[in-house]
């Protein structure tokens, strides 16, 4: 079962202000620049800004693990004590995304590209 952490997404309240800050931090401009999401590619890592993240239960940055079977991995994590925060959903281009919480309230993100 493949897995690697290649994405971190931050919930933001003001995406324009956050884009400016992260462009200064990362030294690059966003490769995805939409009102609903901005994303930067740097050193093999995707750094995303989600202006709807707080409403989705994000309390801070969430690391997303790329997995080959999101449904199976979600079940394994639930069986190990995690709770589903957001069921797997298609966010476009065949990409499935899910969020879970561990017993300490930490968020765990999963991504499956089909």
PDB file of N, CA and C in Angstrom:
ATOM      1  N   UNK A   1       0.850  -1.165   0.000  1.00  0.00           N
ATOM      2  CA  UNK A   1       0.000   0.000   0.000  1.00  0.00           C
ATOM      3  C   UNK A   1       0.902   1.236   0.000  1.00  0.00           C
ATOM      4  N   UNK A   2       0.799   2.058  -1.024  1.00  0.00           N
ATOM      5  CA  UNK A   2       1.680   3.224  -1.115  1.00  0.00           C
ATOM      6  C   UNK A   2       1.213   4.321  -0.175  1.00  0.00           C
ATOM      7  N   UNK A   3       2.177   5.080   0.321  1.00  0.00           N
ATOM      8  CA  UNK A   3       1.860   6.240   1.140  1.00  0.00           C
ATOM      9  C   UNK A   3       3.065   7.156   1.181  1.00  0.00           C
ATOM     10  N   UNK A   4       2.791   8.432   1.107  1.00  0.00           N
ATOM     11  CA  UNK A   4       3.807   9.453   1.318  1.00  0.00           C
ATOM     12  C   UNK A   4       3.101  10.753   1.612  1.00  0.00           C
ATOM     13  N   UNK A   5       3.750  11.597   2.394  1.00  0.00           N
ATOM     14  CA  UNK A   5       3.173  12.872   2.755  1.00  0.00           C
ATOM     15  C   UNK A   5       3.721  13.913   1.794  1.00  0.00           C
ATOM     16  N   UNK A   6       2.828  14.466   0.953  1.00  0.00           N
ATOM     17  CA  UNK A   6       3.267  15.435  -0.046  1.00  0.00           C
ATOM     18  C   UNK A   6       2.447  16.723  -0.016  1.00  0.00           C
ATOM     19  N   UNK A   7       1.485  16.813   0.899  1.00  0.00           N
ATOM     20  CA  UNK A   7       0.586  17.964   0.909  1.00  0.00           C
ATOM     21  C   UNK A   7       0.328  18.421   2.334  1.00  0.00           C
ATOM     22  N   UNK A   8       0.345  19.734   2.539  1.00  0.00           N
ATOM     23  CA  UNK A   8      -0.118  20.329   3.789  1.00  0.00           C
ATOM     24  C   UNK A   8      -1.051  21.471   3.419  1.00  0.00           C
ATOM     25  N   UNK A   9      -2.201  21.511   4.078  1.00  0.00           N
ATOM     26  CA  UNK A   9      -3.186  22.546   3.788  1.00  0.00           C
ATOM     27  C   UNK A   9      -3.501  23.298   5.076  1.00  0.00           C
ATOM     28  N   UNK A  10      -3.465  24.623   4.967  1.00  0.00           N
ATOM     29  CA  UNK A  10      -3.759  25.508   6.082  1.00  0.00           C
ATOM     30  C   UNK A  10      -5.126  26.147   5.906  1.00  0.00           C
ATOM     31  N   UNK A  11      -5.945  26.182   6.983  1.00  0.00           N
ATOM     32  CA  UNK A  11      -7.178  26.955   6.908  1.00  0.00           C
ATOM     33  C   UNK A  11      -6.818  28.432   7.057  1.00  0.00           C
ATOM     34  N   UNK A  12      -7.427  29.273   6.235  1.00  0.00           N
ATOM     35  CA  UNK A  12      -7.146  30.718   6.304  1.00  0.00           C
ATOM     36  C   UNK A  12      -8.463  31.479   6.272  1.00  0.00           C
ATOM     37  N   UNK A  13      -8.465  32.653   6.871  1.00  0.00           N
ATOM     38  CA  UNK A  13      -9.667  33.486   6.865  1.00  0.00           C
ATOM     39  C   UNK A  13      -9.637  34.499   5.739  1.00  0.00           C
ATOM     40  N   UNK A  14      -8.457  34.985   5.395  1.00  0.00           N
ATOM     41  CA  UNK A  14      -8.295  35.983   4.332  1.00  0.00           C
ATOM     42  C   UNK A  14      -7.300  35.418   3.329  1.00  0.00           C
ATOM     43  N   UNK A  15      -7.815  34.832   2.241  1.00  0.00           N
ATOM     44  CA  UNK A  15      -6.938  34.132   1.294  1.00  0.00           C
ATOM     45  C   UNK A  15      -5.965  35.087   0.609  1.00  0.00           C
ATOM     46  N   UNK A  16      -6.375  36.312   0.317  1.00  0.00           N
ATOM     47  CA  UNK A  16      -5.468  37.273  -0.333  1.00  0.00           C
ATOM     48  C   UNK A  16      -4.282  37.589   0.573  1.00  0.00           C
ATOM     49  N   UNK A  17      -4.550  37.829   1.838  1.00  0.00           N
ATOM     50  CA  UNK A  17      -3.471  38.118   2.797  1.00  0.00           C
ATOM     51  C   UNK A  17      -2.582  36.891   2.986  1.00  0.00           C
ATOM     52  N   UNK A  18      -3.209  35.705   3.073  1.00  0.00           N
ATOM     53  CA  UNK A  18      -2.440  34.468   3.261  1.00  0.00           C
ATOM     54  C   UNK A  18      -1.557  34.177   2.047  1.00  0.00           C
ATOM     55  N   UNK A  19      -2.073  34.404   0.820  1.00  0.00           N
ATOM     56  CA  UNK A  19      -1.260  34.185  -0.390  1.00  0.00           C
ATOM     57  C   UNK A  19      -0.018  35.069  -0.360  1.00  0.00           C
ATOM     58  N   UNK A  20      -0.177  36.304   0.037  1.00  0.00           N
ATOM     59  CA  UNK A  20       0.960  37.237   0.102  1.00  0.00           C
ATOM     60  C   UNK A  20       2.002  36.732   1.103  1.00  0.00           C
ATOM     61  N   UNK A  21       1.545  36.315   2.262  1.00  0.00           N
ATOM     62  CA  UNK A  21       2.458  35.822   3.300  1.00  0.00           C
ATOM     63  C   UNK A  21       3.177  34.553   2.849  1.00  0.00           C
ATOM     64  N   UNK A  22       2.430  33.582   2.300  1.00  0.00           N
ATOM     65  CA  UNK A  22       3.052  32.323   1.902  1.00  0.00           C
ATOM     66  C   UNK A  22       3.955  32.487   0.682  1.00  0.00           C
ATOM     67  N   UNK A  23       3.633  33.424  -0.212  1.00  0.00           N
ATOM     68  CA  UNK A  23       4.536  33.707  -1.337  1.00  0.00           C
ATOM     69  C   UNK A  23       5.858  34.249  -0.807  1.00  0.00           C
ATOM     70  N   UNK A  24       5.800  35.103   0.204  1.00  0.00           N
ATOM     71  CA  UNK A  24       7.027  35.628   0.812  1.00  0.00           C
ATOM     72  C   UNK A  24       7.790  34.524   1.538  1.00  0.00           C
ATOM     73  N   UNK A  25       7.083  33.671   2.249  1.00  0.00           N
ATOM     74  CA  UNK A  25       7.714  32.568   2.983  1.00  0.00           C
ATOM     75  C   UNK A  25       8.366  31.561   2.051  1.00  0.00           C
ATOM     76  N   UNK A  26       7.636  31.149   1.001  1.00  0.00           N
ATOM     77  CA  UNK A  26       8.085  30.068   0.126  1.00  0.00           C
ATOM     78  C   UNK A  26       8.936  30.540  -1.049  1.00  0.00           C
ATOM     79  N   UNK A  27       8.871  31.838  -1.353  1.00  0.00           N
ATOM     80  CA  UNK A  27       9.673  32.382  -2.448  1.00  0.00           C
ATOM     81  C   UNK A  27       9.143  32.050  -3.826  1.00  0.00           C
ATOM     82  N   UNK A  28       7.865  31.637  -3.925  1.00  0.00           N
ATOM     83  CA  UNK A  28       7.233  31.336  -5.210  1.00  0.00           C
ATOM     84  C   UNK A  28       5.800  31.857  -5.182  1.00  0.00           C
ATOM     85  N   UNK A  29       5.239  32.040  -6.362  1.00  0.00           N
ATOM     86  CA  UNK A  29       3.837  32.426  -6.491  1.00  0.00           C
ATOM     87  C   UNK A  29       2.981  31.158  -6.560  1.00  0.00           C
ATOM     88  N   UNK A  30       1.695  31.261  -6.250  1.00  0.00           N
ATOM     89  CA  UNK A  30       0.835  30.076  -6.294  1.00  0.00           C
ATOM     90  C   UNK A  30       0.701  29.492  -7.700  1.00  0.00           C
ATOM     91  N   UNK A  31       0.653  28.184  -7.773  1.00  0.00           N
ATOM     92  CA  UNK A  31       0.398  27.500  -9.041  1.00  0.00           C
ATOM     93  C   UNK A  31      -1.100  27.288  -9.235  1.00  0.00           C
ATOM     94  N   UNK A  32      -1.839  27.306  -8.144  1.00  0.00           N
ATOM     95  CA  UNK A  32      -3.300  27.290  -8.161  1.00  0.00           C
ATOM     96  C   UNK A  32      -3.737  28.557  -7.445  1.00  0.00           C
ATOM     97  N   UNK A  33      -4.543  29.378  -8.101  1.00  0.00           N
ATOM     98  CA  UNK A  33      -4.938  30.658  -7.513  1.00  0.00           C
ATOM     99  C   UNK A  33      -6.411  30.912  -7.818  1.00  0.00           C
ATOM    100  N   UNK A  34      -7.266  30.410  -6.921  1.00  0.00           N
ATOM    101  CA  UNK A  34      -8.713  30.536  -7.067  1.00  0.00           C
ATOM    102  C   UNK A  34      -9.283  31.140  -5.785  1.00  0.00           C
ATOM    103  N   UNK A  35     -10.474  31.715  -5.836  1.00  0.00           N
ATOM    104  CA  UNK A  35     -11.076  32.266  -4.615  1.00  0.00           C
ATOM    105  C   UNK A  35     -11.310  31.199  -3.540  1.00  0.00           C
ATOM    106  N   UNK A  36     -11.489  29.937  -3.951  1.00  0.00           N
ATOM    107  CA  UNK A  36     -11.776  28.855  -3.010  1.00  0.00           C
ATOM    108  C   UNK A  36     -10.535  28.063  -2.588  1.00  0.00           C
ATOM    109  N   UNK A  37      -9.362  28.369  -3.177  1.00  0.00           N
ATOM    110  CA  UNK A  37      -8.156  27.594  -2.857  1.00  0.00           C
ATOM    111  C   UNK A  37      -6.950  28.212  -3.541  1.00  0.00           C
ATOM    112  N   UNK A  38      -5.841  28.227  -2.847  1.00  0.00           N
ATOM    113  CA  UNK A  38      -4.563  28.614  -3.447  1.00  0.00           C
ATOM    114  C   UNK A  38      -3.550  27.538  -3.075  1.00  0.00           C
ATOM    115  N   UNK A  39      -2.668  27.213  -4.015  1.00  0.00           N
ATOM    116  CA  UNK A  39      -1.681  26.174  -3.758  1.00  0.00           C
ATOM    117  C   UNK A  39      -0.325  26.539  -4.326  1.00  0.00           C
ATOM    118  N   UNK A  40       0.701  26.186  -3.602  1.00  0.00           N
ATOM    119  CA  UNK A  40       2.090  26.452  -3.968  1.00  0.00           C
ATOM    120  C   UNK A  40       2.830  25.132  -4.089  1.00  0.00           C
ATOM    121  N   UNK A  41       3.745  25.040  -5.027  1.00  0.00           N
ATOM    122  CA  UNK A  41       4.599  23.857  -5.174  1.00  0.00           C
ATOM    123  C   UNK A  41       6.024  24.270  -4.826  1.00  0.00           C
ATOM    124  N   UNK A  42       6.608  23.604  -3.842  1.00  0.00           N
ATOM    125  CA  UNK A  42       7.972  23.932  -3.440  1.00  0.00           C
ATOM    126  C   UNK A  42       8.652  22.682  -2.877  1.00  0.00           C
ATOM    127  N   UNK A  43       9.800  22.361  -3.444  1.00  0.00           N
ATOM    128  CA  UNK A  43      10.623  21.240  -2.969  1.00  0.00           C
ATOM    129  C   UNK A  43       9.841  19.929  -2.881  1.00  0.00           C
ATOM    130  N   UNK A  44       8.983  19.663  -3.873  1.00  0.00           N
ATOM    131  CA  UNK A  44       8.219  18.419  -3.888  1.00  0.00           C
ATOM    132  C   UNK A  44       7.032  18.396  -2.937  1.00  0.00           C
ATOM    133  N   UNK A  45       6.719  19.525  -2.329  1.00  0.00           N
ATOM    134  CA  UNK A  45       5.619  19.617  -1.386  1.00  0.00           C
ATOM    135  C   UNK A  45       4.567  20.575  -1.923  1.00  0.00           C
ATOM    136  N   UNK A  46       3.302  20.212  -1.778  1.00  0.00           N
ATOM    137  CA  UNK A  46       2.206  21.104  -2.135  1.00  0.00           C
ATOM    138  C   UNK A  46       1.720  21.757  -0.845  1.00  0.00           C
ATOM    139  N   UNK A  47       1.751  23.086  -0.800  1.00  0.00           N
ATOM    140  CA  UNK A  47       1.270  23.853   0.340  1.00  0.00           C
ATOM    141  C   UNK A  47      -0.013  24.553  -0.097  1.00  0.00           C
ATOM    142  N   UNK A  48      -1.122  24.204   0.533  1.00  0.00           N
ATOM    143  CA  UNK A  48      -2.414  24.757   0.147  1.00  0.00           C
ATOM    144  C   UNK A  48      -2.986  25.682   1.194  1.00  0.00           C
ATOM    145  N   UNK A  49      -3.818  26.614   0.725  1.00  0.00           N
ATOM    146  CA  UNK A  49      -4.533  27.554   1.589  1.00  0.00           C
ATOM    147  C   UNK A  49      -6.023  27.386   1.318  1.00  0.00           C
ATOM    148  N   UNK A  50      -6.794  27.058   2.343  1.00  0.00           N
ATOM    149  CA  UNK A  50      -8.213  26.776   2.189  1.00  0.00           C
ATOM    150  C   UNK A  50      -9.032  27.783   3.000  1.00  0.00           C
ATOM    151  N   UNK A  51      -9.707  28.728   2.321  1.00  0.00           N
ATOM    152  CA  UNK A  51     -10.508  29.701   3.059  1.00  0.00           C
ATOM    153  C   UNK A  51     -11.774  29.105   3.683  1.00  0.00           C
ATOM    154  N   UNK A  52     -12.101  27.865   3.357  1.00  0.00           N
ATOM    155  CA  UNK A  52     -13.244  27.177   3.963  1.00  0.00           C
ATOM    156  C   UNK A  52     -12.807  26.161   5.011  1.00  0.00           C
ATOM    157  N   UNK A  53     -11.519  26.104   5.284  1.00  0.00           N
ATOM    158  CA  UNK A  53     -10.982  25.086   6.185  1.00  0.00           C
ATOM    159  C   UNK A  53     -11.543  25.127   7.592  1.00  0.00           C
ATOM    160  N   UNK A  54     -11.691  26.323   8.160  1.00  0.00           N
ATOM    161  CA  UNK A  54     -12.225  26.409   9.522  1.00  0.00           C
ATOM    162  C   UNK A  54     -13.638  25.830   9.581  1.00  0.00           C
ATOM    163  N   UNK A  55     -14.454  26.120   8.571  1.00  0.00           N
ATOM    164  CA  UNK A  55     -15.825  25.604   8.526  1.00  0.00           C
ATOM    165  C   UNK A  55     -15.851  24.086   8.367  1.00  0.00           C
ATOM    166  N   UNK A  56     -14.764  23.511   7.834  1.00  0.00           N
ATOM    167  CA  UNK A  56     -14.667  22.057   7.656  1.00  0.00           C
ATOM    168  C   UNK A  56     -14.048  21.375   8.870  1.00  0.00           C
ATOM    169  N   UNK A  57     -13.782  22.142   9.928  1.00  0.00           N
ATOM    170  CA  UNK A  57     -13.256  21.566  11.163  1.00  0.00           C
ATOM    171  C   UNK A  57     -11.747  21.638  11.310  1.00  0.00           C
ATOM    172  N   UNK A  58     -11.065  22.280  10.365  1.00  0.00           N
ATOM    173  CA  UNK A  58      -9.608  22.399  10.470  1.00  0.00           C
ATOM    174  C   UNK A  58      -9.270  23.460  11.527  1.00  0.00           C
ATOM    175  N   UNK A  59      -8.395  23.116  12.452  1.00  0.00           N
ATOM    176  CA  UNK A  59      -7.975  24.054  13.495  1.00  0.00           C
ATOM    177  C   UNK A  59      -6.539  24.514  13.287  1.00  0.00           C
ATOM    178  N   UNK A  60      -5.883  23.972  12.307  1.00  0.00           N
ATOM    179  CA  UNK A  60      -4.504  24.302  11.960  1.00  0.00           C
ATOM    180  C   UNK A  60      -4.144  23.555  10.698  1.00  0.00           C
ATOM    181  N   UNK A  61      -2.876  23.622  10.328  1.00  0.00           N
ATOM    182  CA  UNK A  61      -2.426  22.923   9.138  1.00  0.00           C
ATOM    183  C   UNK A  61      -2.671  21.422   9.240  1.00  0.00           C
ATOM    184  N   UNK A  62      -3.065  20.818   8.130  1.00  0.00           N
ATOM    185  CA  UNK A  62      -3.309  19.377   8.087  1.00  0.00           C
ATOM    186  C   UNK A  62      -2.381  18.754   7.053  1.00  0.00           C
ATOM    187  N   UNK A  63      -1.618  17.754   7.487  1.00  0.00           N
ATOM    188  CA  UNK A  63      -0.758  17.007   6.572  1.00  0.00           C
ATOM    189  C   UNK A  63      -1.600  15.918   5.913  1.00  0.00           C
ATOM    190  N   UNK A  64      -1.479  15.828   4.609  1.00  0.00           N
ATOM    191  CA  UNK A  64      -2.233  14.834   3.836  1.00  0.00           C
ATOM    192  C   UNK A  64      -1.296  13.755   3.323  1.00  0.00           C
ATOM    193  N   UNK A  65      -1.657  12.521   3.612  1.00  0.00           N
ATOM    194  CA  UNK A  65      -0.901  11.363   3.151  1.00  0.00           C
ATOM    195  C   UNK A  65      -1.508  10.867   1.852  1.00  0.00           C
ATOM    196  N   UNK A  66      -0.673  10.700   0.837  1.00  0.00           N
ATOM    197  CA  UNK A  66      -1.122  10.111  -0.427  1.00  0.00           C
ATOM    198  C   UNK A  66      -1.181   8.602  -0.248  1.00  0.00           C
ATOM    199  N   UNK A  67      -2.344   8.035  -0.545  1.00  0.00           N
ATOM    200  CA  UNK A  67      -2.560   6.600  -0.384  1.00  0.00           C
ATOM    201  C   UNK A  67      -3.149   6.038  -1.666  1.00  0.00           C
ATOM    202  N   UNK A  68      -3.012   4.741  -1.851  1.00  0.00           N
ATOM    203  CA  UNK A  68      -3.519   4.112  -3.070  1.00  0.00           C
ATOM    204  C   UNK A  68      -4.989   3.717  -2.960  1.00  0.00           C
ATOM    205  N   UNK A  69      -5.503   3.530  -1.738  1.00  0.00           N
ATOM    206  CA  UNK A  69      -6.898   3.133  -1.532  1.00  0.00           C
ATOM    207  C   UNK A  69      -7.442   3.880  -0.316  1.00  0.00           C
ATOM    208  N   UNK A  70      -8.096   5.004  -0.569  1.00  0.00           N
ATOM    209  CA  UNK A  70      -8.546   5.875   0.522  1.00  0.00           C
ATOM    210  C   UNK A  70      -9.611   5.215   1.396  1.00  0.00           C
ATOM    211  N   UNK A  71     -10.492   4.438   0.807  1.00  0.00           N
ATOM    212  CA  UNK A  71     -11.544   3.776   1.584  1.00  0.00           C
ATOM    213  C   UNK A  71     -10.938   2.744   2.536  1.00  0.00           C
ATOM    214  N   UNK A  72     -10.014   1.943   2.013  1.00  0.00           N
ATOM    215  CA  UNK A  72      -9.370   0.928   2.852  1.00  0.00           C
ATOM    216  C   UNK A  72      -8.554   1.582   3.969  1.00  0.00           C
ATOM    217  N   UNK A  73      -7.798   2.625   3.633  1.00  0.00           N
ATOM    218  CA  UNK A  73      -6.976   3.288   4.657  1.00  0.00           C
ATOM    219  C   UNK A  73      -7.858   3.967   5.697  1.00  0.00           C
ATOM    220  N   UNK A  74      -8.977   4.561   5.288  1.00  0.00           N
ATOM    221  CA  UNK A  74      -9.900   5.167   6.246  1.00  0.00           C
ATOM    222  C   UNK A  74     -10.414   4.114   7.216  1.00  0.00           C
ATOM    223  N   UNK A  75     -10.814   2.967   6.690  1.00  0.00           N
ATOM    224  CA  UNK A  75     -11.309   1.888   7.549  1.00  0.00           C
ATOM    225  C   UNK A  75     -10.238   1.438   8.536  1.00  0.00           C
ATOM    226  N   UNK A  76      -9.008   1.289   8.077  1.00  0.00           N
ATOM    227  CA  UNK A  76      -7.918   0.874   8.963  1.00  0.00           C
ATOM    228  C   UNK A  76      -7.720   1.885  10.089  1.00  0.00           C
ATOM    229  N   UNK A  77      -7.772   3.160   9.755  1.00  0.00           N
ATOM    230  CA  UNK A  77      -7.576   4.192  10.770  1.00  0.00           C
ATOM    231  C   UNK A  77      -8.741   4.238  11.756  1.00  0.00           C
ATOM    232  N   UNK A  78      -9.966   4.080  11.264  1.00  0.00           N
ATOM    233  CA  UNK A  78     -11.130   4.042  12.155  1.00  0.00           C
ATOM    234  C   UNK A  78     -11.030   2.829  13.078  1.00  0.00           C
ATOM    235  N   UNK A  79     -10.637   1.688  12.528  1.00  0.00           N
ATOM    236  CA  UNK A  79     -10.455   0.485  13.347  1.00  0.00           C
ATOM    237  C   UNK A  79      -9.377   0.679  14.404  1.00  0.00           C
ATOM    238  N   UNK A  80      -8.424   1.567  14.131  1.00  0.00           N
ATOM    239  CA  UNK A  80      -7.337   1.842  15.077  1.00  0.00           C
ATOM    240  C   UNK A  80      -7.684   2.981  16.038  1.00  0.00           C
ATOM    241  N   UNK A  81      -8.904   3.524  15.930  1.00  0.00           N
ATOM    242  CA  UNK A  81      -9.340   4.528  16.897  1.00  0.00           C
ATOM    243  C   UNK A  81      -9.583   5.932  16.365  1.00  0.00           C
ATOM    244  N   UNK A  82      -9.354   6.177  15.086  1.00  0.00           N
ATOM    245  CA  UNK A  82      -9.602   7.507  14.522  1.00  0.00           C
ATOM    246  C   UNK A  82     -11.101   7.707  14.292  1.00  0.00           C
ATOM    247  N   UNK A  83     -11.497   8.971  14.207  1.00  0.00           N
ATOM    248  CA  UNK A  83     -12.871   9.321  13.876  1.00  0.00           C
ATOM    249  C   UNK A  83     -12.876  10.095  12.565  1.00  0.00           C
ATOM    250  N   UNK A  84     -13.827   9.805  11.707  1.00  0.00           N
ATOM    251  CA  UNK A  84     -13.931  10.495  10.425  1.00  0.00           C
ATOM    252  C   UNK A  84     -14.428  11.918  10.664  1.00  0.00           C
ATOM    253  N   UNK A  85     -13.682  12.884  10.197  1.00  0.00           N
ATOM    254  CA  UNK A  85     -14.077  14.290  10.232  1.00  0.00           C
ATOM    255  C   UNK A  85     -14.784  14.663   8.932  1.00  0.00           C
ATOM    256  N   UNK A  86     -14.239  14.162   7.819  1.00  0.00           N
ATOM    257  CA  UNK A  86     -14.824  14.410   6.492  1.00  0.00           C
ATOM    258  C   UNK A  86     -14.667  13.145   5.670  1.00  0.00           C
ATOM    259  N   UNK A  87     -15.780  12.576   5.243  1.00  0.00           N
ATOM    260  CA  UNK A  87     -15.746  11.388   4.392  1.00  0.00           C
ATOM    261  C   UNK A  87     -14.978  11.704   3.107  1.00  0.00           C
ATOM    262  N   UNK A  88     -14.462  10.687   2.462  1.00  0.00           N
ATOM    263  CA  UNK A  88     -13.769  10.867   1.190  1.00  0.00           C
ATOM    264  C   UNK A  88     -14.706  11.525   0.192  1.00  0.00           C
ATOM    265  N   UNK A  89     -14.207  12.569  -0.472  1.00  0.00           N
ATOM    266  CA  UNK A  89     -15.005  13.239  -1.490  1.00  0.00           C
ATOM    267  C   UNK A  89     -14.109  13.617  -2.652  1.00  0.00           C
ATOM    268  N   UNK A  90     -14.711  13.675  -3.824  1.00  0.00           N
ATOM    269  CA  UNK A  90     -13.982  14.058  -5.034  1.00  0.00           C
ATOM    270  C   UNK A  90     -13.877  15.570  -5.062  1.00  0.00           C
ATOM    271  N   UNK A  91     -12.654  16.085  -5.110  1.00  0.00           N
ATOM    272  CA  UNK A  91     -12.439  17.533  -5.136  1.00  0.00           C
ATOM    273  C   UNK A  91     -12.040  18.008  -6.530  1.00  0.00           C
ATOM    274  N   UNK A  92     -12.192  17.142  -7.521  1.00  0.00           N
ATOM    275  CA  UNK A  92     -11.906  17.514  -8.904  1.00  0.00           C
ATOM    276  C   UNK A  92     -10.743  16.721  -9.466  1.00  0.00           C
ATOM    277  N   UNK A  93     -10.806  16.460 -10.750  1.00  0.00           N
ATOM    278  CA  UNK A  93      -9.728  15.758 -11.424  1.00  0.00           C
ATOM    279  C   UNK A  93      -9.517  14.336 -10.949  1.00  0.00           C
ATOM    280  N   UNK A  94     -10.524  13.737 -10.329  1.00  0.00           N
ATOM    281  CA  UNK A  94     -10.390  12.375  -9.835  1.00  0.00           C
ATOM    282  C   UNK A  94      -9.686  12.266  -8.500  1.00  0.00           C
ATOM    283  N   UNK A  95      -9.371  13.372  -7.870  1.00  0.00           N
ATOM    284  CA  UNK A  95      -8.687  13.364  -6.565  1.00  0.00           C
ATOM    285  C   UNK A  95      -9.719  13.216  -5.458  1.00  0.00           C
ATOM    286  N   UNK A  96      -9.505  12.221  -4.595  1.00  0.00           N
ATOM    287  CA  UNK A  96     -10.350  11.997  -3.427  1.00  0.00           C
ATOM    288  C   UNK A  96      -9.607  12.480  -2.192  1.00  0.00           C
ATOM    289  N   UNK A  97     -10.321  13.142  -1.299  1.00  0.00           N
ATOM    290  CA  UNK A  97      -9.723  13.695  -0.085  1.00  0.00           C
ATOM    291  C   UNK A  97     -10.612  13.337   1.100  1.00  0.00           C
ATOM    292  N   UNK A  98      -9.991  12.945   2.219  1.00  0.00           N
ATOM    293  CA  UNK A  98     -10.712  12.655   3.463  1.00  0.00           C
ATOM    294  C   UNK A  98      -9.916  13.225   4.630  1.00  0.00           C
ATOM    295  N   UNK A  99     -10.618  13.507   5.734  1.00  0.00           N
ATOM    296  CA  UNK A  99      -9.952  13.948   6.961  1.00  0.00           C
ATOM    297  C   UNK A  99     -10.472  13.120   8.128  1.00  0.00           C
ATOM    298  N   UNK A 100      -9.552  12.763   9.012  1.00  0.00           N
ATOM    299  CA  UNK A 100      -9.894  12.027  10.222  1.00  0.00           C
ATOM    300  C   UNK A 100      -9.235  12.722  11.409  1.00  0.00           C
ATOM    301  N   UNK A 101      -9.698  12.396  12.617  1.00  0.00           N
ATOM    302  CA  UNK A 101      -9.092  12.885  13.860  1.00  0.00           C
ATOM    303  C   UNK A 101      -8.597  11.685  14.658  1.00  0.00           C
ATOM    304  N   UNK A 102      -7.406  11.848  15.232  1.00  0.00           N
ATOM    305  CA  UNK A 102      -6.927  10.793  16.122  1.00  0.00           C
ATOM    306  C   UNK A 102      -7.505  11.022  17.515  1.00  0.00           C
ATOM    307  N   UNK A 103      -7.161  10.160  18.463  1.00  0.00           N
ATOM    308  CA  UNK A 103      -7.722  10.239  19.809  1.00  0.00           C
ATOM    309  C   UNK A 103      -7.344  11.529  20.533  1.00  0.00           C
ATOM    310  N   UNK A 104      -6.294  12.200  20.098  1.00  0.00           N
ATOM    311  CA  UNK A 104      -5.863  13.454  20.713  1.00  0.00           C
ATOM    312  C   UNK A 104      -6.415  14.677  19.997  1.00  0.00           C
ATOM    313  N   UNK A 105      -7.245  14.462  18.979  1.00  0.00           N
ATOM    314  CA  UNK A 105      -7.838  15.571  18.241  1.00  0.00           C
ATOM    315  C   UNK A 105      -7.018  16.068  17.072  1.00  0.00           C
ATOM    316  N   UNK A 106      -5.878  15.429  16.802  1.00  0.00           N
ATOM    317  CA  UNK A 106      -5.050  15.824  15.663  1.00  0.00           C
ATOM    318  C   UNK A 106      -5.702  15.387  14.361  1.00  0.00           C
ATOM    319  N   UNK A 107      -5.602  16.258  13.359  1.00  0.00           N
ATOM    320  CA  UNK A 107      -6.183  15.954  12.066  1.00  0.00           C
ATOM    321  C   UNK A 107      -5.207  15.131  11.228  1.00  0.00           C
ATOM    322  N   UNK A 108      -5.745  14.167  10.503  1.00  0.00           N
ATOM    323  CA  UNK A 108      -4.986  13.341   9.560  1.00  0.00           C
ATOM    324  C   UNK A 108      -5.699  13.436   8.214  1.00  0.00           C
ATOM    325  N   UNK A 109      -4.993  13.872   7.191  1.00  0.00           N
ATOM    326  CA  UNK A 109      -5.577  13.971   5.871  1.00  0.00           C
ATOM    327  C   UNK A 109      -5.121  12.822   4.993  1.00  0.00           C
ATOM    328  N   UNK A 110      -6.015  12.385   4.117  1.00  0.00           N
ATOM    329  CA  UNK A 110      -5.706  11.352   3.123  1.00  0.00           C
ATOM    330  C   UNK A 110      -6.060  11.856   1.747  1.00  0.00           C
ATOM    331  N   UNK A 111      -5.218  11.545   0.755  1.00  0.00           N
ATOM    332  CA  UNK A 111      -5.456  11.892  -0.641  1.00  0.00           C
ATOM    333  C   UNK A 111      -5.246  10.648  -1.484  1.00  0.00           C
ATOM    334  N   UNK A 112      -6.169  10.435  -2.405  1.00  0.00           N
ATOM    335  CA  UNK A 112      -5.999   9.364  -3.403  1.00  0.00           C
ATOM    336  C   UNK A 112      -6.197   9.995  -4.766  1.00  0.00           C
ATOM    337  N   UNK A 113      -5.197   9.887  -5.609  1.00  0.00           N
ATOM    338  CA  UNK A 113      -5.313  10.327  -7.000  1.00  0.00           C
ATOM    339  C   UNK A 113      -5.651   9.130  -7.859  1.00  0.00           C
ATOM    340  N   UNK A 114      -6.713   9.249  -8.641  1.00  0.00           N
ATOM    341  CA  UNK A 114      -7.136   8.120  -9.471  1.00  0.00           C
ATOM    342  C   UNK A 114      -6.728   8.340 -10.907  1.00  0.00           C
TER     343      UNK A 114
END
